[in-house]
Every structure is written in C-alpha cells, then in structure tokens.
Amino acid sequence: MKDIHYVAIPDLCTHYQLEMSFFTGLKDYGLIEIISVEKTNCIHQEHVADLEKMIRLHQDLNLNFEGIDTVFNLLNKIDKLKSELNQTKNRLRLYESE
C-alpha cells in the first residue's frame, strides 16, 4: 500500500483482535468512514485515535453502536461548550481590563 495516510482494516482486526464485522458495523452506523485503497478497506490515519476510543467503549463498557454514538455526541457537545466558555472568558477579560 503506497498511501501512508491510511491504515488497513485487516491490520486493525489483527492488532485489536476484532472481527471485520465490528468495523463494518461502525461504518454502517456512520461512526467511521472506510475507504478502499488498492482493493483494501482502510481508515484514515487521523481517525485512528477516535477508533481506539470506540474499541475501548465497546470492549470495556460493552457498549453497542448506539451507545458509542451517544458517547461521541456527548463528547463533541462538551468540546463545543468548552470552546464557547473559553471564548466567553476571553471576552470578559477584555471588559475587566478597561
């Protein structure tokens, strides 16, 4: 495989000792995007960290795809709220310094 920005799903299956059906289920539920590179299903390298979180949620907490989706939606909302809070704090500092 020439493109080093992608990780092959079969390699992930071996590394994490998971069936291909797990990754297919994540794709079907819209949690990951699988790309075909040279007839091999792959995932972009920048999404591997999220994939590892999904695997841990599935294995450690026995969450199904709906549960994983819910957790990721909540984490995204938390990140958005943190960003908004930081913006609000920065604007408040402008008024405090006057």
PDB file of N, CA and C in Angstrom:
ATOM      1  N   MET A   1       0.853  -1.169   0.000  1.00  0.00           N
ATOM      2  CA  MET A   1       0.000   0.000   0.000  1.00  0.00           C
ATOM      3  C   MET A   1       0.901   1.235   0.000  1.00  0.00           C
ATOM      4  N   LYS A   2       0.737   2.075  -1.014  1.00  0.00           N
ATOM      5  CA  LYS A   2       1.597   3.235  -1.194  1.00  0.00           C
ATOM      6  C   LYS A   2       1.220   4.391  -0.287  1.00  0.00           C
ATOM      7  N   ASP A   3      -0.042   4.564  -0.027  1.00  0.00           N
ATOM      8  CA  ASP A   3      -0.527   5.725   0.716  1.00  0.00           C
ATOM      9  C   ASP A   3      -0.363   5.489   2.213  1.00  0.00           C
ATOM     10  N   ILE A   4       0.569   6.220   2.834  1.00  0.00           N
ATOM     11  CA  ILE A   4       0.854   6.004   4.250  1.00  0.00           C
ATOM     12  C   ILE A   4      -0.133   6.709   5.167  1.00  0.00           C
ATOM     13  N   HIS A   5      -1.086   7.449   4.601  1.00  0.00           N
ATOM     14  CA  HIS A   5      -2.054   8.169   5.413  1.00  0.00           C
ATOM     15  C   HIS A   5      -3.239   7.289   5.800  1.00  0.00           C
ATOM     16  N   TYR A   6      -3.232   6.047   5.359  1.00  0.00           N
ATOM     17  CA  TYR A   6      -4.339   5.142   5.637  1.00  0.00           C
ATOM     18  C   TYR A   6      -3.838   3.899   6.342  1.00  0.00           C
ATOM     19  N   VAL A   7      -4.689   3.361   7.221  1.00  0.00           N
ATOM     20  CA  VAL A   7      -4.365   2.133   7.945  1.00  0.00           C
ATOM     21  C   VAL A   7      -5.338   1.066   7.472  1.00  0.00           C
ATOM     22  N   ALA A   8      -4.818  -0.098   7.117  1.00  0.00           N
ATOM     23  CA  ALA A   8      -5.648  -1.179   6.588  1.00  0.00           C
ATOM     24  C   ALA A   8      -6.511  -1.777   7.697  1.00  0.00           C
ATOM     25  N   ILE A   9      -7.784  -1.983   7.400  1.00  0.00           N
ATOM     26  CA  ILE A   9      -8.711  -2.571   8.365  1.00  0.00           C
ATOM     27  C   ILE A   9      -8.280  -3.993   8.760  1.00  0.00           C
ATOM     28  N   PRO A  10      -7.826  -4.829   7.829  1.00  0.00           N
ATOM     29  CA  PRO A  10      -7.368  -6.164   8.254  1.00  0.00           C
ATOM     30  C   PRO A  10      -6.230  -6.108   9.285  1.00  0.00           C
ATOM     31  N   ASP A  11      -5.354  -5.110   9.155  1.00  0.00           N
ATOM     32  CA  ASP A  11      -4.288  -4.941  10.158  1.00  0.00           C
ATOM     33  C   ASP A  11      -4.871  -4.554  11.516  1.00  0.00           C
ATOM     34  N   LEU A  12      -5.889  -3.703  11.494  1.00  0.00           N
ATOM     35  CA  LEU A  12      -6.553  -3.314  12.744  1.00  0.00           C
ATOM     36  C   LEU A  12      -7.268  -4.507  13.379  1.00  0.00           C
ATOM     37  N   CYS A  13      -7.884  -5.335  12.542  1.00  0.00           N
ATOM     38  CA  CYS A  13      -8.562  -6.532  13.049  1.00  0.00           C
ATOM     39  C   CYS A  13      -7.578  -7.422  13.784  1.00  0.00           C
ATOM     40  N   THR A  14      -6.403  -7.603  13.201  1.00  0.00           N
ATOM     41  CA  THR A  14      -5.374  -8.437  13.817  1.00  0.00           C
ATOM     42  C   THR A  14      -4.850  -7.792  15.097  1.00  0.00           C
ATOM     43  N   HIS A  15      -4.560  -6.501  15.021  1.00  0.00           N
ATOM     44  CA  HIS A  15      -3.972  -5.806  16.167  1.00  0.00           C
ATOM     45  C   HIS A  15      -4.919  -5.779  17.372  1.00  0.00           C
ATOM     46  N   TYR A  16      -6.181  -5.485  17.132  1.00  0.00           N
ATOM     47  CA  TYR A  16      -7.143  -5.353  18.222  1.00  0.00           C
ATOM     48  C   TYR A  16      -7.938  -6.633  18.470  1.00  0.00           C
ATOM     49  N   GLN A  17      -7.653  -7.673  17.707  1.00  0.00           N
ATOM     50  CA  GLN A  17      -8.328  -8.970  17.831  1.00  0.00           C
ATOM     51  C   GLN A  17      -9.845  -8.805  17.725  1.00  0.00           C
ATOM     52  N   LEU A  18     -10.258  -8.138  16.648  1.00  0.00           N
ATOM     53  CA  LEU A  18     -11.668  -7.897  16.376  1.00  0.00           C
ATOM     54  C   LEU A  18     -12.033  -8.484  15.027  1.00  0.00           C
ATOM     55  N   GLU A  19     -13.309  -8.758  14.858  1.00  0.00           N
ATOM     56  CA  GLU A  19     -13.810  -9.239  13.580  1.00  0.00           C
ATOM     57  C   GLU A  19     -14.046  -8.054  12.647  1.00  0.00           C
ATOM     58  N   MET A  20     -13.988  -8.312  11.371  1.00  0.00           N
ATOM     59  CA  MET A  20     -14.266  -7.281  10.362  1.00  0.00           C
ATOM     60  C   MET A  20     -15.688  -6.743  10.519  1.00  0.00           C
ATOM     61  N   SER A  21     -16.585  -7.571  11.025  1.00  0.00           N
ATOM     62  CA  SER A  21     -17.976  -7.146  11.192  1.00  0.00           C
ATOM     63  C   SER A  21     -18.099  -5.968  12.165  1.00  0.00           C
ATOM     64  N   PHE A  22     -17.190  -5.870  13.132  1.00  0.00           N
ATOM     65  CA  PHE A  22     -17.218  -4.728  14.056  1.00  0.00           C
ATOM     66  C   PHE A  22     -16.987  -3.433  13.294  1.00  0.00           C
ATOM     67  N   PHE A  23     -15.983  -3.421  12.433  1.00  0.00           N
ATOM     68  CA  PHE A  23     -15.669  -2.220  11.653  1.00  0.00           C
ATOM     69  C   PHE A  23     -16.767  -1.924  10.645  1.00  0.00           C
ATOM     70  N   THR A  24     -17.328  -2.976  10.068  1.00  0.00           N
ATOM     71  CA  THR A  24     -18.434  -2.799   9.132  1.00  0.00           C
ATOM     72  C   THR A  24     -19.642  -2.198   9.857  1.00  0.00           C
ATOM     73  N   GLY A  25     -19.896  -2.655  11.083  1.00  0.00           N
ATOM     74  CA  GLY A  25     -20.991  -2.112  11.873  1.00  0.00           C
ATOM     75  C   GLY A  25     -20.776  -0.638  12.197  1.00  0.00           C
ATOM     76  N   LEU A  26     -19.546  -0.280  12.550  1.00  0.00           N
ATOM     77  CA  LEU A  26     -19.239   1.132  12.806  1.00  0.00           C
ATOM     78  C   LEU A  26     -19.473   1.969  11.554  1.00  0.00           C
ATOM     79  N   LYS A  27     -19.090   1.436  10.409  1.00  0.00           N
ATOM     80  CA  LYS A  27     -19.288   2.151   9.145  1.00  0.00           C
ATOM     81  C   LYS A  27     -20.771   2.267   8.832  1.00  0.00           C
ATOM     82  N   ASP A  28     -21.510   1.166   8.989  1.00  0.00           N
ATOM     83  CA  ASP A  28     -22.942   1.182   8.691  1.00  0.00           C
ATOM     84  C   ASP A  28     -23.692   2.158   9.592  1.00  0.00           C
ATOM     85  N   TYR A  29     -23.215   2.310  10.813  1.00  0.00           N
ATOM     86  CA  TYR A  29     -23.868   3.225  11.749  1.00  0.00           C
ATOM     87  C   TYR A  29     -23.393   4.668  11.560  1.00  0.00           C
ATOM     88  N   GLY A  30     -22.412   4.875  10.692  1.00  0.00           N
ATOM     89  CA  GLY A  30     -21.928   6.220  10.393  1.00  0.00           C
ATOM     90  C   GLY A  30     -20.883   6.730  11.357  1.00  0.00           C
ATOM     91  N   LEU A  31     -20.268   5.844  12.115  1.00  0.00           N
ATOM     92  CA  LEU A  31     -19.278   6.270  13.101  1.00  0.00           C
ATOM     93  C   LEU A  31     -17.872   6.387  12.524  1.00  0.00           C
ATOM     94  N   ILE A  32     -17.572   5.624  11.463  1.00  0.00           N
ATOM     95  CA  ILE A  32     -16.287   5.725  10.805  1.00  0.00           C
ATOM     96  C   ILE A  32     -16.505   5.734   9.300  1.00  0.00           C
ATOM     97  N   GLU A  33     -15.495   6.194   8.585  1.00  0.00           N
ATOM     98  CA  GLU A  33     -15.530   6.171   7.129  1.00  0.00           C
ATOM     99  C   GLU A  33     -14.452   5.215   6.652  1.00  0.00           C
ATOM    100  N   ILE A  34     -14.854   4.196   5.921  1.00  0.00           N
ATOM    101  CA  ILE A  34     -13.920   3.221   5.374  1.00  0.00           C
ATOM    102  C   ILE A  34     -13.698   3.554   3.907  1.00  0.00           C
ATOM    103  N   ILE A  35     -12.426   3.608   3.533  1.00  0.00           N
ATOM    104  CA  ILE A  35     -12.029   3.959   2.177  1.00  0.00           C
ATOM    105  C   ILE A  35     -11.306   2.758   1.572  1.00  0.00           C
ATOM    106  N   SER A  36     -11.547   2.510   0.307  1.00  0.00           N
ATOM    107  CA  SER A  36     -10.871   1.416  -0.381  1.00  0.00           C
ATOM    108  C   SER A  36      -9.617   1.937  -1.060  1.00  0.00           C
ATOM    109  N   VAL A  37      -8.462   1.408  -0.643  1.00  0.00           N
ATOM    110  CA  VAL A  37      -7.183   1.779  -1.232  1.00  0.00           C
ATOM    111  C   VAL A  37      -6.543   0.497  -1.747  1.00  0.00           C
ATOM    112  N   GLU A  38      -6.360   0.426  -3.047  1.00  0.00           N
ATOM    113  CA  GLU A  38      -5.781  -0.754  -3.688  1.00  0.00           C
ATOM    114  C   GLU A  38      -6.523  -2.029  -3.278  1.00  0.00           C
ATOM    115  N   LYS A  39      -7.841  -1.968  -3.326  1.00  0.00           N
ATOM    116  CA  LYS A  39      -8.733  -3.085  -3.016  1.00  0.00           C
ATOM    117  C   LYS A  39      -8.658  -3.547  -1.560  1.00  0.00           C
ATOM    118  N   THR A  40      -8.140  -2.693  -0.679  1.00  0.00           N
ATOM    119  CA  THR A  40      -8.080  -2.989   0.747  1.00  0.00           C
ATOM    120  C   THR A  40      -8.872  -1.920   1.493  1.00  0.00           C
ATOM    121  N   ASN A  41      -9.755  -2.344   2.380  1.00  0.00           N
ATOM    122  CA  ASN A  41     -10.509  -1.390   3.186  1.00  0.00           C
ATOM    123  C   ASN A  41      -9.583  -0.752   4.207  1.00  0.00           C
ATOM    124  N   CYS A  42      -9.650   0.579   4.264  1.00  0.00           N
ATOM    125  CA  CYS A  42      -8.750   1.333   5.135  1.00  0.00           C
ATOM    126  C   CYS A  42      -9.511   2.431   5.856  1.00  0.00           C
ATOM    127  N   ILE A  43      -8.858   2.950   6.881  1.00  0.00           N
ATOM    128  CA  ILE A  43      -9.365   4.110   7.608  1.00  0.00           C
ATOM    129  C   ILE A  43      -8.243   5.149   7.618  1.00  0.00           C
ATOM    130  N   HIS A  44      -8.624   6.413   7.535  1.00  0.00           N
ATOM    131  CA  HIS A  44      -7.618   7.474   7.521  1.00  0.00           C
ATOM    132  C   HIS A  44      -6.891   7.491   8.858  1.00  0.00           C
ATOM    133  N   GLN A  45      -5.599   7.753   8.786  1.00  0.00           N
ATOM    134  CA  GLN A  45      -4.737   7.720   9.961  1.00  0.00           C
ATOM    135  C   GLN A  45      -5.196   8.681  11.058  1.00  0.00           C
ATOM    136  N   GLU A  46      -5.750   9.832  10.680  1.00  0.00           N
ATOM    137  CA  GLU A  46      -6.152  10.822  11.694  1.00  0.00           C
ATOM    138  C   GLU A  46      -7.394  10.380  12.481  1.00  0.00           C
ATOM    139  N   HIS A  47      -8.090   9.341  12.025  1.00  0.00           N
ATOM    140  CA  HIS A  47      -9.275   8.858  12.723  1.00  0.00           C
ATOM    141  C   HIS A  47      -8.991   7.644  13.623  1.00  0.00           C
ATOM    142  N   VAL A  48      -7.741   7.220  13.661  1.00  0.00           N
ATOM    143  CA  VAL A  48      -7.391   6.023  14.443  1.00  0.00           C
ATOM    144  C   VAL A  48      -7.599   6.271  15.936  1.00  0.00           C
ATOM    145  N   ALA A  49      -7.308   7.467  16.420  1.00  0.00           N
ATOM    146  CA  ALA A  49      -7.489   7.760  17.852  1.00  0.00           C
ATOM    147  C   ALA A  49      -8.956   7.626  18.249  1.00  0.00           C
ATOM    148  N   ASP A  50      -9.865   8.161  17.421  1.00  0.00           N
ATOM    149  CA  ASP A  50     -11.296   8.010  17.702  1.00  0.00           C
ATOM    150  C   ASP A  50     -11.712   6.549  17.628  1.00  0.00           C
ATOM    151  N   LEU A  51     -11.157   5.835  16.662  1.00  0.00           N
ATOM    152  CA  LEU A  51     -11.465   4.417  16.527  1.00  0.00           C
ATOM    153  C   LEU A  51     -11.029   3.650  17.767  1.00  0.00           C
ATOM    154  N   GLU A  52      -9.861   3.974  18.310  1.00  0.00           N
ATOM    155  CA  GLU A  52      -9.392   3.308  19.526  1.00  0.00           C
ATOM    156  C   GLU A  52     -10.325   3.594  20.698  1.00  0.00           C
ATOM    157  N   LYS A  53     -10.853   4.817  20.782  1.00  0.00           N
ATOM    158  CA  LYS A  53     -11.828   5.137  21.834  1.00  0.00           C
ATOM    159  C   LYS A  53     -13.082   4.291  21.668  1.00  0.00           C
ATOM    160  N   MET A  54     -13.528   4.143  20.420  1.00  0.00           N
ATOM    161  CA  MET A  54     -14.725   3.334  20.153  1.00  0.00           C
ATOM    162  C   MET A  54     -14.494   1.880  20.533  1.00  0.00           C
ATOM    163  N   ILE A  55     -13.318   1.382  20.234  1.00  0.00           N
ATOM    164  CA  ILE A  55     -12.989  -0.010  20.581  1.00  0.00           C
ATOM    165  C   ILE A  55     -12.994  -0.184  22.091  1.00  0.00           C
ATOM    166  N   ARG A  56     -12.399   0.765  22.818  1.00  0.00           N
ATOM    167  CA  ARG A  56     -12.387   0.673  24.286  1.00  0.00           C
ATOM    168  C   ARG A  56     -13.795   0.750  24.859  1.00  0.00           C
ATOM    169  N   LEU A  57     -14.620   1.636  24.324  1.00  0.00           N
ATOM    170  CA  LEU A  57     -16.007   1.732  24.792  1.00  0.00           C
ATOM    171  C   LEU A  57     -16.746   0.419  24.559  1.00  0.00           C
ATOM    172  N   HIS A  58     -16.497  -0.186  23.415  1.00  0.00           N
ATOM    173  CA  HIS A  58     -17.163  -1.444  23.081  1.00  0.00           C
ATOM    174  C   HIS A  58     -16.662  -2.583  23.960  1.00  0.00           C
ATOM    175  N   GLN A  59     -15.351  -2.683  24.128  1.00  0.00           N
ATOM    176  CA  GLN A  59     -14.788  -3.806  24.879  1.00  0.00           C
ATOM    177  C   GLN A  59     -14.900  -3.632  26.390  1.00  0.00           C
ATOM    178  N   ASP A  60     -14.570  -2.455  26.884  1.00  0.00           N
ATOM    179  CA  ASP A  60     -14.539  -2.240  28.336  1.00  0.00           C
ATOM    180  C   ASP A  60     -15.921  -2.029  28.939  1.00  0.00           C
ATOM    181  N   LEU A  61     -16.786  -1.315  28.210  1.00  0.00           N
ATOM    182  CA  LEU A  61     -18.109  -0.996  28.745  1.00  0.00           C
ATOM    183  C   LEU A  61     -19.228  -1.775  28.068  1.00  0.00           C
ATOM    184  N   ASN A  62     -18.866  -2.617  27.118  1.00  0.00           N
ATOM    185  CA  ASN A  62     -19.845  -3.416  26.369  1.00  0.00           C
ATOM    186  C   ASN A  62     -20.919  -2.553  25.707  1.00  0.00           C
ATOM    187  N   LEU A  63     -20.510  -1.398  25.196  1.00  0.00           N
ATOM    188  CA  LEU A  63     -21.461  -0.523  24.523  1.00  0.00           C
ATOM    189  C   LEU A  63     -21.687  -0.996  23.096  1.00  0.00           C
ATOM    190  N   ASN A  64     -22.927  -0.910  22.652  1.00  0.00           N
ATOM    191  CA  ASN A  64     -23.238  -1.214  21.255  1.00  0.00           C
ATOM    192  C   ASN A  64     -22.995   0.054  20.429  1.00  0.00           C
ATOM    193  N   PHE A  65     -23.284  -0.024  19.128  1.00  0.00           N
ATOM    194  CA  PHE A  65     -23.012   1.107  18.251  1.00  0.00           C
ATOM    195  C   PHE A  65     -23.818   2.337  18.641  1.00  0.00           C
ATOM    196  N   GLU A  66     -25.052   2.152  19.082  1.00  0.00           N
ATOM    197  CA  GLU A  66     -25.873   3.283  19.512  1.00  0.00           C
ATOM    198  C   GLU A  66     -25.269   3.958  20.732  1.00  0.00           C
ATOM    199  N   GLY A  67     -24.767   3.157  21.668  1.00  0.00           N
ATOM    200  CA  GLY A  67     -24.130   3.702  22.864  1.00  0.00           C
ATOM    201  C   GLY A  67     -22.858   4.465  22.532  1.00  0.00           C
ATOM    202  N   ILE A  68     -22.065   3.897  21.623  1.00  0.00           N
ATOM    203  CA  ILE A  68     -20.840   4.570  21.195  1.00  0.00           C
ATOM    204  C   ILE A  68     -21.181   5.903  20.533  1.00  0.00           C
ATOM    205  N   ASP A  69     -22.196   5.897  19.692  1.00  0.00           N
ATOM    206  CA  ASP A  69     -22.626   7.130  19.023  1.00  0.00           C
ATOM    207  C   ASP A  69     -23.067   8.168  20.041  1.00  0.00           C
ATOM    208  N   THR A  70     -23.818   7.747  21.039  1.00  0.00           N
ATOM    209  CA  THR A  70     -24.286   8.661  22.087  1.00  0.00           C
ATOM    210  C   THR A  70     -23.117   9.273  22.839  1.00  0.00           C
ATOM    211  N   VAL A  71     -22.142   8.451  23.224  1.00  0.00           N
ATOM    212  CA  VAL A  71     -20.977   8.945  23.957  1.00  0.00           C
ATOM    213  C   VAL A  71     -20.207   9.948  23.108  1.00  0.00           C
ATOM    214  N   PHE A  72     -19.999   9.642  21.825  1.00  0.00           N
ATOM    215  CA  PHE A  72     -19.258  10.563  20.965  1.00  0.00           C
ATOM    216  C   PHE A  72     -20.016  11.864  20.751  1.00  0.00           C
ATOM    217  N   ASN A  73     -21.340  11.801  20.634  1.00  0.00           N
ATOM    218  CA  ASN A  73     -22.120  13.039  20.517  1.00  0.00           C
ATOM    219  C   ASN A  73     -21.986  13.885  21.774  1.00  0.00           C
ATOM    220  N   LEU A  74     -22.035  13.252  22.944  1.00  0.00           N
ATOM    221  CA  LEU A  74     -21.881  13.993  24.201  1.00  0.00           C
ATOM    222  C   LEU A  74     -20.487  14.596  24.322  1.00  0.00           C
ATOM    223  N   LEU A  75     -19.456  13.835  23.927  1.00  0.00           N
ATOM    224  CA  LEU A  75     -18.090  14.366  23.976  1.00  0.00           C
ATOM    225  C   LEU A  75     -17.930  15.558  23.043  1.00  0.00           C
ATOM    226  N   ASN A  76     -18.539  15.491  21.868  1.00  0.00           N
ATOM    227  CA  ASN A  76     -18.489  16.625  20.940  1.00  0.00           C
ATOM    228  C   ASN A  76     -19.196  17.847  21.514  1.00  0.00           C
ATOM    229  N   LYS A  77     -20.328  17.632  22.176  1.00  0.00           N
ATOM    230  CA  LYS A  77     -21.042  18.747  22.809  1.00  0.00           C
ATOM    231  C   LYS A  77     -20.217  19.355  23.929  1.00  0.00           C
ATOM    232  N   ILE A  78     -19.545  18.516  24.703  1.00  0.00           N
ATOM    233  CA  ILE A  78     -18.682  19.015  25.779  1.00  0.00           C
ATOM    234  C   ILE A  78     -17.559  19.869  25.211  1.00  0.00           C
ATOM    235  N   ASP A  79     -16.920  19.393  24.129  1.00  0.00           N
ATOM    236  CA  ASP A  79     -15.853  20.166  23.493  1.00  0.00           C
ATOM    237  C   ASP A  79     -16.368  21.504  22.988  1.00  0.00           C
ATOM    238  N   LYS A  80     -17.566  21.503  22.395  1.00  0.00           N
ATOM    239  CA  LYS A  80     -18.152  22.748  21.893  1.00  0.00           C
ATOM    240  C   LYS A  80     -18.437  23.707  23.051  1.00  0.00           C
ATOM    241  N   LEU A  81     -18.987  23.187  24.140  1.00  0.00           N
ATOM    242  CA  LEU A  81     -19.276  24.034  25.302  1.00  0.00           C
ATOM    243  C   LEU A  81     -18.003  24.585  25.932  1.00  0.00           C
ATOM    244  N   LYS A  82     -16.940  23.781  25.967  1.00  0.00           N
ATOM    245  CA  LYS A  82     -15.658  24.266  26.491  1.00  0.00           C
ATOM    246  C   LYS A  82     -15.133  25.407  25.632  1.00  0.00           C
ATOM    247  N   SER A  83     -15.259  25.248  24.331  1.00  0.00           N
ATOM    248  CA  SER A  83     -14.802  26.294  23.420  1.00  0.00           C
ATOM    249  C   SER A  83     -15.601  27.579  23.621  1.00  0.00           C
ATOM    250  N   GLU A  84     -16.913  27.444  23.740  1.00  0.00           N
ATOM    251  CA  GLU A  84     -17.753  28.618  23.969  1.00  0.00           C
ATOM    252  C   GLU A  84     -17.423  29.282  25.300  1.00  0.00           C
ATOM    253  N   LEU A  85     -17.166  28.476  26.319  1.00  0.00           N
ATOM    254  CA  LEU A  85     -16.809  29.019  27.632  1.00  0.00           C
ATOM    255  C   LEU A  85     -15.495  29.784  27.566  1.00  0.00           C
ATOM    256  N   ASN A  86     -14.519  29.238  26.851  1.00  0.00           N
ATOM    257  CA  ASN A  86     -13.238  29.934  26.711  1.00  0.00           C
ATOM    258  C   ASN A  86     -13.408  31.249  25.960  1.00  0.00           C
ATOM    259  N   GLN A  87     -14.237  31.260  24.916  1.00  0.00           N
ATOM    260  CA  GLN A  87     -14.489  32.497  24.178  1.00  0.00           C
ATOM    261  C   GLN A  87     -15.158  33.533  25.080  1.00  0.00           C
ATOM    262  N   THR A  88     -16.103  33.085  25.875  1.00  0.00           N
ATOM    263  CA  THR A  88     -16.805  33.990  26.791  1.00  0.00           C
ATOM    264  C   THR A  88     -15.843  34.545  27.838  1.00  0.00           C
ATOM    265  N   LYS A  89     -14.975  33.705  28.368  1.00  0.00           N
ATOM    266  CA  LYS A  89     -13.984  34.161  29.348  1.00  0.00           C
ATOM    267  C   LYS A  89     -13.045  35.193  28.727  1.00  0.00           C
ATOM    268  N   ASN A  90     -12.644  34.946  27.491  1.00  0.00           N
ATOM    269  CA  ASN A  90     -11.748  35.897  26.821  1.00  0.00           C
ATOM    270  C   ASN A  90     -12.427  37.246  26.605  1.00  0.00           C
ATOM    271  N   ARG A  91     -13.701  37.228  26.230  1.00  0.00           N
ATOM    272  CA  ARG A  91     -14.431  38.492  26.054  1.00  0.00           C
ATOM    273  C   ARG A  91     -14.596  39.202  27.398  1.00  0.00           C
ATOM    274  N   LEU A  92     -14.838  38.458  28.436  1.00  0.00           N
ATOM    275  CA  LEU A  92     -14.994  39.042  29.769  1.00  0.00           C
ATOM    276  C   LEU A  92     -13.713  39.699  30.235  1.00  0.00           C
ATOM    277  N   ARG A  93     -12.578  39.081  29.914  1.00  0.00           N
ATOM    278  CA  ARG A  93     -11.285  39.672  30.297  1.00  0.00           C
ATOM    279  C   ARG A  93     -11.071  41.025  29.626  1.00  0.00           C
ATOM    280  N   LEU A  94     -11.580  41.164  28.398  1.00  0.00           N
ATOM    281  CA  LEU A  94     -11.456  42.454  27.728  1.00  0.00           C
ATOM    282  C   LEU A  94     -12.164  43.553  28.490  1.00  0.00           C
ATOM    283  N   TYR A  95     -13.347  43.249  29.012  1.00  0.00           N
ATOM    284  CA  TYR A  95     -14.106  44.235  29.779  1.00  0.00           C
ATOM    285  C   TYR A  95     -13.515  44.484  31.150  1.00  0.00           C
ATOM    286  N   GLU A  96     -12.894  43.457  31.750  1.00  0.00           N
ATOM    287  CA  GLU A  96     -12.306  43.610  33.073  1.00  0.00           C
ATOM    288  C   GLU A  96     -11.068  44.491  33.032  1.00  0.00           C
ATOM    289  N   SER A  97     -10.346  44.453  31.903  1.00  0.00           N
ATOM    290  CA  SER A  97      -9.094  45.229  31.832  1.00  0.00           C
ATOM    291  C   SER A  97      -9.336  46.712  31.581  1.00  0.00           C
ATOM    292  N   GLU A  98     -10.539  47.097  31.201  1.00  0.00           N
ATOM    293  CA  GLU A  98     -10.819  48.520  30.937  1.00  0.00           C
ATOM    294  C   GLU A  98     -11.006  49.314  32.174  1.00  0.00           C
TER     295      GLU A  98
END
